[in-house]
């Protein structure tokens, strides 16, 4: 994994998935009022995503828990965990029909809770997948991130 100048210096990008390699690059951050271990646990509880993640309608988890599938707004992604360093960072690579994305999360303690940073690289290889580069997908990602941040903010009790 290589570091890039366009992203947070603590993000570890796999080869071919840096912001410079992307068709789209997204970055969002927020501070949530829970400790890092709780934020990490909520974020990585993949089985619960359909309960609170907009557009997630189906999850399938591999027995090794390093691979899972997600159906998000009708698109099926096979997801491979690329980095798992509880409770500080997690990253996963999602592969769908004509689109690949890598999502990295940094989780840092701060005085009033936890600072959460997510950066995403999206790559599209086919014209049919160009809708993943549209403004609608940007809006959907924003909605998803806001729901994730809200979920962590609402999780004041274990």
C-alpha atoms as a PDB file:
ATOM      1  CA  UNK A   1       0.000   0.000   0.000  1.00  0.00           C
ATOM      2  CA  UNK A   2       1.307   3.423  -0.830  1.00  0.00           C
ATOM      3  CA  UNK A   3       0.761   6.789   0.758  1.00  0.00           C
ATOM      4  CA  UNK A   4      -0.509   9.683  -1.352  1.00  0.00           C
ATOM      5  CA  UNK A   5      -0.218  13.420  -1.051  1.00  0.00           C
ATOM      6  CA  UNK A   6      -3.907  14.027  -1.828  1.00  0.00           C
ATOM      7  CA  UNK A   7      -5.256  12.092   1.111  1.00  0.00           C
ATOM      8  CA  UNK A   8      -4.700  11.835   4.826  1.00  0.00           C
ATOM      9  CA  UNK A   9      -1.106  10.656   5.405  1.00  0.00           C
ATOM     10  CA  UNK A  10      -2.289   7.762   7.602  1.00  0.00           C
ATOM     11  CA  UNK A  11      -4.444   6.205   4.871  1.00  0.00           C
ATOM     12  CA  UNK A  12      -2.804   3.124   3.382  1.00  0.00           C
ATOM     13  CA  UNK A  13      -3.913   2.710  -0.224  1.00  0.00           C
ATOM     14  CA  UNK A  14      -3.535  -0.643  -2.003  1.00  0.00           C
ATOM     15  CA  UNK A  15      -1.709  -0.523  -5.327  1.00  0.00           C
ATOM     16  CA  UNK A  16      -3.948   0.954  -8.010  1.00  0.00           C
ATOM     17  CA  UNK A  17      -6.363   2.549  -5.554  1.00  0.00           C
ATOM     18  CA  UNK A  18      -4.797   5.865  -4.609  1.00  0.00           C
ATOM     19  CA  UNK A  19      -6.651   9.126  -5.270  1.00  0.00           C
ATOM     20  CA  UNK A  20      -4.363   9.632  -8.282  1.00  0.00           C
ATOM     21  CA  UNK A  21      -5.643   6.326  -9.741  1.00  0.00           C
ATOM     22  CA  UNK A  22      -9.302   7.142  -9.119  1.00  0.00           C
ATOM     23  CA  UNK A  23     -12.104   8.138 -11.416  1.00  0.00           C
ATOM     24  CA  UNK A  24     -13.722   9.609  -8.292  1.00  0.00           C
ATOM     25  CA  UNK A  25     -12.286  10.403  -4.872  1.00  0.00           C
ATOM     26  CA  UNK A  26     -14.424  11.194  -1.836  1.00  0.00           C
ATOM     27  CA  UNK A  27     -13.528  12.286   1.666  1.00  0.00           C
ATOM     28  CA  UNK A  28     -15.792  12.862   4.665  1.00  0.00           C
ATOM     29  CA  UNK A  29     -15.132  13.322   8.358  1.00  0.00           C
ATOM     30  CA  UNK A  30     -17.019  13.889  11.583  1.00  0.00           C
ATOM     31  CA  UNK A  31     -16.596  13.725  15.338  1.00  0.00           C
ATOM     32  CA  UNK A  32     -18.908  11.346  17.183  1.00  0.00           C
ATOM     33  CA  UNK A  33     -19.538  11.281  20.963  1.00  0.00           C
ATOM     34  CA  UNK A  34     -18.469   7.679  21.611  1.00  0.00           C
ATOM     35  CA  UNK A  35     -15.111   6.020  22.297  1.00  0.00           C
ATOM     36  CA  UNK A  36     -13.044   4.665  19.372  1.00  0.00           C
ATOM     37  CA  UNK A  37     -13.623   1.000  20.227  1.00  0.00           C
ATOM     38  CA  UNK A  38     -17.409   1.510  20.129  1.00  0.00           C
ATOM     39  CA  UNK A  39     -17.204   3.441  16.835  1.00  0.00           C
ATOM     40  CA  UNK A  40     -15.051   0.696  15.326  1.00  0.00           C
ATOM     41  CA  UNK A  41     -17.424  -2.034  16.533  1.00  0.00           C
ATOM     42  CA  UNK A  42     -20.461  -0.288  15.028  1.00  0.00           C
ATOM     43  CA  UNK A  43     -18.737   0.381  11.724  1.00  0.00           C
ATOM     44  CA  UNK A  44     -17.499  -3.197  11.350  1.00  0.00           C
ATOM     45  CA  UNK A  45     -20.751  -4.899  12.414  1.00  0.00           C
ATOM     46  CA  UNK A  46     -21.488  -5.692   8.788  1.00  0.00           C
ATOM     47  CA  UNK A  47     -24.479  -7.927   9.591  1.00  0.00           C
ATOM     48  CA  UNK A  48     -26.380  -4.924  11.005  1.00  0.00           C
ATOM     49  CA  UNK A  49     -25.848  -2.637   7.985  1.00  0.00           C
ATOM     50  CA  UNK A  50     -29.272  -3.333   6.388  1.00  0.00           C
ATOM     51  CA  UNK A  51     -30.922  -2.093   9.598  1.00  0.00           C
ATOM     52  CA  UNK A  52     -29.468   1.404   9.327  1.00  0.00           C
ATOM     53  CA  UNK A  53     -27.455   1.914   6.122  1.00  0.00           C
ATOM     54  CA  UNK A  54     -29.454   3.602   3.329  1.00  0.00           C
ATOM     55  CA  UNK A  55     -29.592   1.473   0.201  1.00  0.00           C
ATOM     56  CA  UNK A  56     -28.090  -1.659   1.811  1.00  0.00           C
ATOM     57  CA  UNK A  57     -30.659  -4.417   1.325  1.00  0.00           C
ATOM     58  CA  UNK A  58     -28.626  -7.588   1.593  1.00  0.00           C
ATOM     59  CA  UNK A  59     -25.484  -8.823   3.346  1.00  0.00           C
ATOM     60  CA  UNK A  60     -23.714 -12.171   2.989  1.00  0.00           C
ATOM     61  CA  UNK A  61     -20.796 -12.918   5.282  1.00  0.00           C
ATOM     62  CA  UNK A  62     -17.997 -15.372   4.505  1.00  0.00           C
ATOM     63  CA  UNK A  63     -17.098 -17.856   7.233  1.00  0.00           C
ATOM     64  CA  UNK A  64     -13.647 -16.278   7.527  1.00  0.00           C
ATOM     65  CA  UNK A  65     -15.196 -12.805   8.006  1.00  0.00           C
ATOM     66  CA  UNK A  66     -12.647 -11.295   5.630  1.00  0.00           C
ATOM     67  CA  UNK A  67     -15.017 -11.359   2.658  1.00  0.00           C
ATOM     68  CA  UNK A  68     -18.643 -10.296   2.504  1.00  0.00           C
ATOM     69  CA  UNK A  69     -21.204  -9.286  -0.091  1.00  0.00           C
ATOM     70  CA  UNK A  70     -23.345  -6.167  -0.059  1.00  0.00           C
ATOM     71  CA  UNK A  71     -26.291  -5.202  -2.225  1.00  0.00           C
ATOM     72  CA  UNK A  72     -26.367  -1.404  -2.267  1.00  0.00           C
ATOM     73  CA  UNK A  73     -29.000   0.391  -4.341  1.00  0.00           C
ATOM     74  CA  UNK A  74     -29.385  -2.743  -6.450  1.00  0.00           C
ATOM     75  CA  UNK A  75     -25.661  -3.144  -7.140  1.00  0.00           C
ATOM     76  CA  UNK A  76     -23.996  -6.259  -5.746  1.00  0.00           C
ATOM     77  CA  UNK A  77     -20.465  -5.871  -4.394  1.00  0.00           C
ATOM     78  CA  UNK A  78     -18.086  -8.540  -3.195  1.00  0.00           C
ATOM     79  CA  UNK A  79     -16.060  -6.905  -0.437  1.00  0.00           C
ATOM     80  CA  UNK A  80     -12.602  -7.934   0.751  1.00  0.00           C
ATOM     81  CA  UNK A  81     -11.212  -6.617   4.021  1.00  0.00           C
ATOM     82  CA  UNK A  82      -7.841  -5.089   3.165  1.00  0.00           C
ATOM     83  CA  UNK A  83      -6.882  -3.647   6.517  1.00  0.00           C
ATOM     84  CA  UNK A  84      -8.216  -4.333   9.995  1.00  0.00           C
ATOM     85  CA  UNK A  85      -6.452  -2.634  12.903  1.00  0.00           C
ATOM     86  CA  UNK A  86      -9.024  -2.275  15.715  1.00  0.00           C
ATOM     87  CA  UNK A  87      -9.978   0.289  16.849  1.00  0.00           C
ATOM     88  CA  UNK A  88      -7.885   2.622  14.702  1.00  0.00           C
ATOM     89  CA  UNK A  89      -8.384   1.767  11.042  1.00  0.00           C
ATOM     90  CA  UNK A  90     -10.232  -0.471   8.643  1.00  0.00           C
ATOM     91  CA  UNK A  91     -10.290  -0.622   4.865  1.00  0.00           C
ATOM     92  CA  UNK A  92     -12.138  -2.717   2.339  1.00  0.00           C
ATOM     93  CA  UNK A  93     -12.165  -3.254  -1.407  1.00  0.00           C
ATOM     94  CA  UNK A  94     -15.559  -3.604  -3.085  1.00  0.00           C
ATOM     95  CA  UNK A  95     -15.845  -5.140  -6.541  1.00  0.00           C
ATOM     96  CA  UNK A  96     -19.082  -4.839  -8.496  1.00  0.00           C
ATOM     97  CA  UNK A  97     -20.159  -5.041 -12.120  1.00  0.00           C
ATOM     98  CA  UNK A  98     -17.708  -2.713 -13.859  1.00  0.00           C
ATOM     99  CA  UNK A  99     -16.809  -0.767 -10.730  1.00  0.00           C
ATOM    100  CA  UNK A 100     -14.253  -1.129  -7.952  1.00  0.00           C
ATOM    101  CA  UNK A 101     -13.921   0.950  -4.838  1.00  0.00           C
ATOM    102  CA  UNK A 102     -11.673   1.085  -1.821  1.00  0.00           C
ATOM    103  CA  UNK A 103     -12.972   2.638   1.377  1.00  0.00           C
ATOM    104  CA  UNK A 104     -10.574   3.469   4.213  1.00  0.00           C
ATOM    105  CA  UNK A 105     -11.560   4.571   7.718  1.00  0.00           C
ATOM    106  CA  UNK A 106      -9.372   6.268  10.331  1.00  0.00           C
ATOM    107  CA  UNK A 107     -10.697   6.315  13.887  1.00  0.00           C
ATOM    108  CA  UNK A 108      -8.905   8.666  16.292  1.00  0.00           C
ATOM    109  CA  UNK A 109      -9.715   9.532  19.922  1.00  0.00           C
ATOM    110  CA  UNK A 110     -10.368  13.223  20.656  1.00  0.00           C
ATOM    111  CA  UNK A 111     -11.456  15.035  23.817  1.00  0.00           C
ATOM    112  CA  UNK A 112     -15.164  14.952  22.986  1.00  0.00           C
ATOM    113  CA  UNK A 113     -15.316  11.427  21.516  1.00  0.00           C
ATOM    114  CA  UNK A 114     -13.870  10.050  18.313  1.00  0.00           C
ATOM    115  CA  UNK A 115     -12.834  11.670  15.057  1.00  0.00           C
ATOM    116  CA  UNK A 116     -13.895   9.542  12.080  1.00  0.00           C
ATOM    117  CA  UNK A 117     -12.365  10.070   8.643  1.00  0.00           C
ATOM    118  CA  UNK A 118     -13.346   8.082   5.579  1.00  0.00           C
ATOM    119  CA  UNK A 119     -11.765   8.316   2.138  1.00  0.00           C
ATOM    120  CA  UNK A 120     -12.991   6.451  -0.914  1.00  0.00           C
ATOM    121  CA  UNK A 121     -11.532   5.757  -4.321  1.00  0.00           C
ATOM    122  CA  UNK A 122     -13.922   4.680  -7.088  1.00  0.00           C
ATOM    123  CA  UNK A 123     -12.726   3.176 -10.367  1.00  0.00           C
ATOM    124  CA  UNK A 124     -14.956   2.306 -13.298  1.00  0.00           C
ATOM    125  CA  UNK A 125     -13.836   0.171 -16.184  1.00  0.00           C
ATOM    126  CA  UNK A 126     -16.901   0.010 -18.421  1.00  0.00           C
ATOM    127  CA  UNK A 127     -19.306   2.537 -19.926  1.00  0.00           C
ATOM    128  CA  UNK A 128     -22.213   0.673 -18.279  1.00  0.00           C
ATOM    129  CA  UNK A 129     -20.716   1.462 -14.882  1.00  0.00           C
ATOM    130  CA  UNK A 130     -20.456   5.184 -15.495  1.00  0.00           C
ATOM    131  CA  UNK A 131     -23.581   5.757 -13.415  1.00  0.00           C
ATOM    132  CA  UNK A 132     -21.343   5.000 -10.422  1.00  0.00           C
ATOM    133  CA  UNK A 133     -19.497   8.200 -11.250  1.00  0.00           C
ATOM    134  CA  UNK A 134     -22.634  10.318 -11.468  1.00  0.00           C
ATOM    135  CA  UNK A 135     -23.953  12.966  -9.113  1.00  0.00           C
ATOM    136  CA  UNK A 136     -26.574  10.451  -7.912  1.00  0.00           C
ATOM    137  CA  UNK A 137     -23.850   8.162  -6.575  1.00  0.00           C
ATOM    138  CA  UNK A 138     -22.158  11.094  -4.873  1.00  0.00           C
ATOM    139  CA  UNK A 139     -25.487  11.894  -3.213  1.00  0.00           C
ATOM    140  CA  UNK A 140     -25.960   8.245  -2.207  1.00  0.00           C
ATOM    141  CA  UNK A 141     -22.467   8.078  -0.709  1.00  0.00           C
ATOM    142  CA  UNK A 142     -23.108  11.291   1.220  1.00  0.00           C
ATOM    143  CA  UNK A 143     -26.366   9.821   2.550  1.00  0.00           C
ATOM    144  CA  UNK A 144     -24.595   6.595   3.507  1.00  0.00           C
ATOM    145  CA  UNK A 145     -21.765   8.391   5.310  1.00  0.00           C
ATOM    146  CA  UNK A 146     -24.186  10.637   7.156  1.00  0.00           C
ATOM    147  CA  UNK A 147     -26.153   7.578   8.289  1.00  0.00           C
ATOM    148  CA  UNK A 148     -22.924   5.926   9.454  1.00  0.00           C
ATOM    149  CA  UNK A 149     -21.877   9.017  11.393  1.00  0.00           C
ATOM    150  CA  UNK A 150     -25.406   9.388  12.827  1.00  0.00           C
ATOM    151  CA  UNK A 151     -25.437   5.722  13.868  1.00  0.00           C
ATOM    152  CA  UNK A 152     -22.217   6.245  15.785  1.00  0.00           C
ATOM    153  CA  UNK A 153     -23.498   9.481  17.316  1.00  0.00           C
ATOM    154  CA  UNK A 154     -26.693   7.757  18.464  1.00  0.00           C
ATOM    155  CA  UNK A 155     -24.821   4.803  19.978  1.00  0.00           C
ATOM    156  CA  UNK A 156     -24.128   6.268  23.387  1.00  0.00           C
ATOM    157  CA  UNK A 157     -25.117   3.022  25.094  1.00  0.00           C
ATOM    158  CA  UNK A 158     -23.426  -0.325  24.424  1.00  0.00           C
END
